[in-house]
Amino acid sequence: MEEFKSQYKHLLDIPVAWGEMDALGHVNNAVYFRYFESVRLDYFESHKFMQTLTEHGKFPVLADVQCRFRRAVTFPDTLTLGARITDLNAHGFTMEYGVYSQAQQTLASVGTSKVVIVDKDTGRKGLIPESLAKLIAQDVKQG
């Protein structure tokens, strides 16, 4: 767990819900994308990401998301979700995710997403506001 925590600076614990299980008795693979969304939005909230984008007439769009399943997760369990931004450009960034099973004491899955910033007025790719880009760049450097 310590190694996991050192790799992902932004962490969020989520208990596995019984309703997330599929007919085979493990967490349905589609649920992992909700886990990624939860930690991504928690990261955004901690950095006032949405507030800053809204003030600049912009919003984030998920352009791509991928998941690699390493271990089946079952109920009951608590997952520690990790997030970090690994690549930043003028119009968006890449975010990496880790899902750590506390019951199994191991990494259960990893994923990535590409987020693009869109201008609300034009509906086209926009620039990340400078203040937010500086904040993200600092995270990328530390990550």
C-alpha atoms as a PDB file:
ATOM      1  CA  MET A   1       0.000   0.000   0.000  1.00  0.00           C
ATOM      2  CA  GLU A   2       2.835   2.423   0.746  1.00  0.00           C
ATOM      3  CA  GLU A   3       4.243   1.970  -2.746  1.00  0.00           C
ATOM      4  CA  PHE A   4       0.769   2.626  -4.206  1.00  0.00           C
ATOM      5  CA  LYS A   5       0.391   5.785  -2.120  1.00  0.00           C
ATOM      6  CA  SER A   6       3.790   7.021  -3.269  1.00  0.00           C
ATOM      7  CA  GLN A   7       2.777   6.624  -6.923  1.00  0.00           C
ATOM      8  CA  TYR A   8      -0.632   8.301  -6.675  1.00  0.00           C
ATOM      9  CA  LYS A   9      -0.667  11.570  -4.779  1.00  0.00           C
ATOM     10  CA  HIS A  10      -4.463  11.951  -4.940  1.00  0.00           C
ATOM     11  CA  LEU A  11      -6.301   9.148  -3.108  1.00  0.00           C
ATOM     12  CA  LEU A  12      -9.937   8.290  -2.450  1.00  0.00           C
ATOM     13  CA  ASP A  13     -11.356   5.293  -0.556  1.00  0.00           C
ATOM     14  CA  ILE A  14     -14.585   3.743  -1.853  1.00  0.00           C
ATOM     15  CA  PRO A  15     -16.346   0.688  -0.403  1.00  0.00           C
ATOM     16  CA  VAL A  16     -17.441  -1.917  -2.939  1.00  0.00           C
ATOM     17  CA  ALA A  17     -21.252  -1.995  -3.082  1.00  0.00           C
ATOM     18  CA  TRP A  18     -23.119  -5.283  -3.385  1.00  0.00           C
ATOM     19  CA  GLY A  19     -24.985  -3.908  -6.417  1.00  0.00           C
ATOM     20  CA  GLU A  20     -21.709  -3.480  -8.322  1.00  0.00           C
ATOM     21  CA  MET A  21     -21.286  -7.253  -8.563  1.00  0.00           C
ATOM     22  CA  ASP A  22     -22.140  -9.144 -11.747  1.00  0.00           C
ATOM     23  CA  ALA A  23     -23.499 -12.674 -12.261  1.00  0.00           C
ATOM     24  CA  LEU A  24     -19.983 -14.092 -11.922  1.00  0.00           C
ATOM     25  CA  GLY A  25     -19.633 -12.714  -8.389  1.00  0.00           C
ATOM     26  CA  HIS A  26     -17.110  -9.941  -8.976  1.00  0.00           C
ATOM     27  CA  VAL A  27     -17.319  -6.213  -9.627  1.00  0.00           C
ATOM     28  CA  ASN A  28     -18.622  -5.640 -13.151  1.00  0.00           C
ATOM     29  CA  ASN A  29     -15.925  -4.243 -15.423  1.00  0.00           C
ATOM     30  CA  ALA A  30     -18.060  -1.228 -16.402  1.00  0.00           C
ATOM     31  CA  VAL A  31     -18.039  -0.116 -12.750  1.00  0.00           C
ATOM     32  CA  TYR A  32     -14.308   0.596 -12.914  1.00  0.00           C
ATOM     33  CA  PHE A  33     -15.037   3.528 -15.205  1.00  0.00           C
ATOM     34  CA  ARG A  34     -17.297   4.974 -12.480  1.00  0.00           C
ATOM     35  CA  TYR A  35     -14.453   4.480 -10.000  1.00  0.00           C
ATOM     36  CA  PHE A  36     -12.159   6.425 -12.341  1.00  0.00           C
ATOM     37  CA  GLU A  37     -14.809   9.123 -12.660  1.00  0.00           C
ATOM     38  CA  SER A  38     -15.148   9.361  -8.866  1.00  0.00           C
ATOM     39  CA  VAL A  39     -11.445   9.871  -8.233  1.00  0.00           C
ATOM     40  CA  ARG A  40     -11.120  12.197 -11.251  1.00  0.00           C
ATOM     41  CA  LEU A  41     -13.930  14.439  -9.996  1.00  0.00           C
ATOM     42  CA  ASP A  42     -12.547  14.310  -6.450  1.00  0.00           C
ATOM     43  CA  TYR A  43      -9.201  15.469  -7.867  1.00  0.00           C
ATOM     44  CA  PHE A  44     -10.991  18.222  -9.814  1.00  0.00           C
ATOM     45  CA  GLU A  45     -12.847  19.330  -6.681  1.00  0.00           C
ATOM     46  CA  SER A  46      -9.661  19.440  -4.598  1.00  0.00           C
ATOM     47  CA  HIS A  47      -8.093  21.788  -7.176  1.00  0.00           C
ATOM     48  CA  LYS A  48     -11.275  23.877  -7.794  1.00  0.00           C
ATOM     49  CA  PHE A  49     -10.919  22.660 -11.353  1.00  0.00           C
ATOM     50  CA  MET A  50     -14.570  22.945 -12.400  1.00  0.00           C
ATOM     51  CA  GLN A  51     -14.960  26.345 -10.757  1.00  0.00           C
ATOM     52  CA  THR A  52     -11.933  27.707 -12.620  1.00  0.00           C
ATOM     53  CA  LEU A  53     -13.041  26.267 -15.946  1.00  0.00           C
ATOM     54  CA  THR A  54     -16.578  27.615 -15.533  1.00  0.00           C
ATOM     55  CA  GLU A  55     -15.202  31.087 -14.762  1.00  0.00           C
ATOM     56  CA  HIS A  56     -13.314  30.922 -18.083  1.00  0.00           C
ATOM     57  CA  GLY A  57     -16.265  29.582 -20.114  1.00  0.00           C
ATOM     58  CA  LYS A  58     -14.772  26.117 -20.525  1.00  0.00           C
ATOM     59  CA  PHE A  59     -15.494  22.521 -19.522  1.00  0.00           C
ATOM     60  CA  PRO A  60     -13.638  19.188 -19.594  1.00  0.00           C
ATOM     61  CA  VAL A  61     -14.555  16.396 -22.016  1.00  0.00           C
ATOM     62  CA  LEU A  62     -13.402  12.823 -21.656  1.00  0.00           C
ATOM     63  CA  ALA A  63     -11.859  11.990 -25.041  1.00  0.00           C
ATOM     64  CA  ASP A  64     -10.555   8.511 -24.254  1.00  0.00           C
ATOM     65  CA  VAL A  65     -10.574   6.109 -21.314  1.00  0.00           C
ATOM     66  CA  GLN A  66      -8.968   2.707 -20.904  1.00  0.00           C
ATOM     67  CA  CYS A  67      -8.775   0.104 -18.160  1.00  0.00           C
ATOM     68  CA  ARG A  68      -6.536  -2.889 -17.607  1.00  0.00           C
ATOM     69  CA  PHE A  69      -7.996  -5.424 -15.206  1.00  0.00           C
ATOM     70  CA  ARG A  70      -5.426  -7.217 -13.080  1.00  0.00           C
ATOM     71  CA  ARG A  71      -7.459  -8.880 -10.302  1.00  0.00           C
ATOM     72  CA  ALA A  72     -11.127  -9.635  -9.754  1.00  0.00           C
ATOM     73  CA  VAL A  73     -12.617  -7.606  -6.907  1.00  0.00           C
ATOM     74  CA  THR A  74     -15.472  -8.958  -4.814  1.00  0.00           C
ATOM     75  CA  PHE A  75     -17.776  -7.754  -2.052  1.00  0.00           C
ATOM     76  CA  PRO A  76     -16.917  -6.901   0.685  1.00  0.00           C
ATOM     77  CA  ASP A  77     -13.863  -4.786  -0.011  1.00  0.00           C
ATOM     78  CA  THR A  78     -12.738  -1.197   0.201  1.00  0.00           C
ATOM     79  CA  LEU A  79     -10.832   0.185  -2.737  1.00  0.00           C
ATOM     80  CA  THR A  80      -8.263   2.922  -2.588  1.00  0.00           C
ATOM     81  CA  LEU A  81      -8.418   4.843  -5.845  1.00  0.00           C
ATOM     82  CA  GLY A  82      -5.399   6.799  -6.967  1.00  0.00           C
ATOM     83  CA  ALA A  83      -5.132   9.512  -9.601  1.00  0.00           C
ATOM     84  CA  ARG A  84      -2.292  11.492 -11.104  1.00  0.00           C
ATOM     85  CA  ILE A  85      -1.800  13.647 -14.166  1.00  0.00           C
ATOM     86  CA  THR A  86       1.114  12.453 -16.243  1.00  0.00           C
ATOM     87  CA  ASP A  87       0.977  14.617 -19.347  1.00  0.00           C
ATOM     88  CA  LEU A  88      -0.163  18.194 -19.821  1.00  0.00           C
ATOM     89  CA  ASN A  89      -0.578  20.159 -23.018  1.00  0.00           C
ATOM     90  CA  ALA A  90      -2.276  23.449 -23.890  1.00  0.00           C
ATOM     91  CA  HIS A  91      -5.661  21.809 -24.567  1.00  0.00           C
ATOM     92  CA  GLY A  92      -5.811  18.966 -22.059  1.00  0.00           C
ATOM     93  CA  PHE A  93      -4.033  16.273 -20.137  1.00  0.00           C
ATOM     94  CA  THR A  94      -3.663  12.563 -19.495  1.00  0.00           C
ATOM     95  CA  MET A  95      -4.728  11.172 -16.148  1.00  0.00           C
ATOM     96  CA  GLU A  96      -3.677   7.774 -14.800  1.00  0.00           C
ATOM     97  CA  TYR A  97      -5.649   5.762 -12.262  1.00  0.00           C
ATOM     98  CA  GLY A  98      -4.935   2.902  -9.920  1.00  0.00           C
ATOM     99  CA  VAL A  99      -7.434   0.761  -8.014  1.00  0.00           C
ATOM    100  CA  TYR A 100      -5.968  -0.911  -4.929  1.00  0.00           C
ATOM    101  CA  SER A 101      -7.913  -3.683  -3.208  1.00  0.00           C
ATOM    102  CA  GLN A 102      -7.523  -3.409   0.548  1.00  0.00           C
ATOM    103  CA  ALA A 103      -8.899  -6.943   1.023  1.00  0.00           C
ATOM    104  CA  GLN A 104      -6.324  -8.435  -1.354  1.00  0.00           C
ATOM    105  CA  GLN A 105      -3.566  -5.929  -0.529  1.00  0.00           C
ATOM    106  CA  THR A 106      -2.731  -5.524  -4.215  1.00  0.00           C
ATOM    107  CA  LEU A 107      -3.336  -3.437  -7.299  1.00  0.00           C
ATOM    108  CA  ALA A 108      -6.592  -4.618  -8.902  1.00  0.00           C
ATOM    109  CA  SER A 109      -6.647  -2.416 -12.010  1.00  0.00           C
ATOM    110  CA  VAL A 110      -5.012   0.530 -13.719  1.00  0.00           C
ATOM    111  CA  GLY A 111      -6.354   2.950 -16.285  1.00  0.00           C
ATOM    112  CA  THR A 112      -5.820   6.128 -18.232  1.00  0.00           C
ATOM    113  CA  SER A 113      -7.959   8.865 -19.663  1.00  0.00           C
ATOM    114  CA  LYS A 114      -7.386  11.806 -21.942  1.00  0.00           C
ATOM    115  CA  VAL A 115      -9.264  14.949 -21.006  1.00  0.00           C
ATOM    116  CA  VAL A 116      -9.721  17.780 -23.493  1.00  0.00           C
ATOM    117  CA  ILE A 117     -10.790  21.294 -22.536  1.00  0.00           C
ATOM    118  CA  VAL A 118     -13.684  22.636 -24.617  1.00  0.00           C
ATOM    119  CA  ASP A 119     -14.817  26.243 -25.044  1.00  0.00           C
ATOM    120  CA  LYS A 120     -18.523  26.582 -24.166  1.00  0.00           C
ATOM    121  CA  ASP A 121     -19.162  29.275 -26.784  1.00  0.00           C
ATOM    122  CA  THR A 122     -17.583  27.554 -29.773  1.00  0.00           C
ATOM    123  CA  GLY A 123     -17.855  23.894 -28.759  1.00  0.00           C
ATOM    124  CA  ARG A 124     -14.262  23.473 -29.933  1.00  0.00           C
ATOM    125  CA  LYS A 125     -11.038  22.636 -28.202  1.00  0.00           C
ATOM    126  CA  GLY A 126      -9.987  25.422 -25.850  1.00  0.00           C
ATOM    127  CA  LEU A 127      -6.935  26.377 -23.851  1.00  0.00           C
ATOM    128  CA  ILE A 128      -6.512  25.396 -20.219  1.00  0.00           C
ATOM    129  CA  PRO A 129      -6.664  28.600 -18.136  1.00  0.00           C
ATOM    130  CA  GLU A 130      -3.136  29.632 -17.140  1.00  0.00           C
ATOM    131  CA  SER A 131      -3.732  29.418 -13.377  1.00  0.00           C
ATOM    132  CA  LEU A 132      -5.040  25.874 -13.714  1.00  0.00           C
ATOM    133  CA  ALA A 133      -2.244  24.842 -16.084  1.00  0.00           C
ATOM    134  CA  LYS A 134       0.342  26.029 -13.529  1.00  0.00           C
ATOM    135  CA  LEU A 135      -1.354  24.043 -10.765  1.00  0.00           C
ATOM    136  CA  ILE A 136      -1.527  20.886 -12.896  1.00  0.00           C
ATOM    137  CA  ALA A 137       2.069  21.324 -14.083  1.00  0.00           C
ATOM    138  CA  GLN A 138       3.184  21.399 -10.453  1.00  0.00           C
ATOM    139  CA  ASP A 139       1.360  18.079  -9.837  1.00  0.00           C
ATOM    140  CA  VAL A 140       2.913  16.548 -12.971  1.00  0.00           C
ATOM    141  CA  LYS A 141       6.377  17.613 -11.781  1.00  0.00           C
ATOM    142  CA  GLN A 142       5.824  16.113  -8.299  1.00  0.00           C
ATOM    143  CA  GLY A 143       4.139  12.957  -9.625  1.00  0.00           C
END
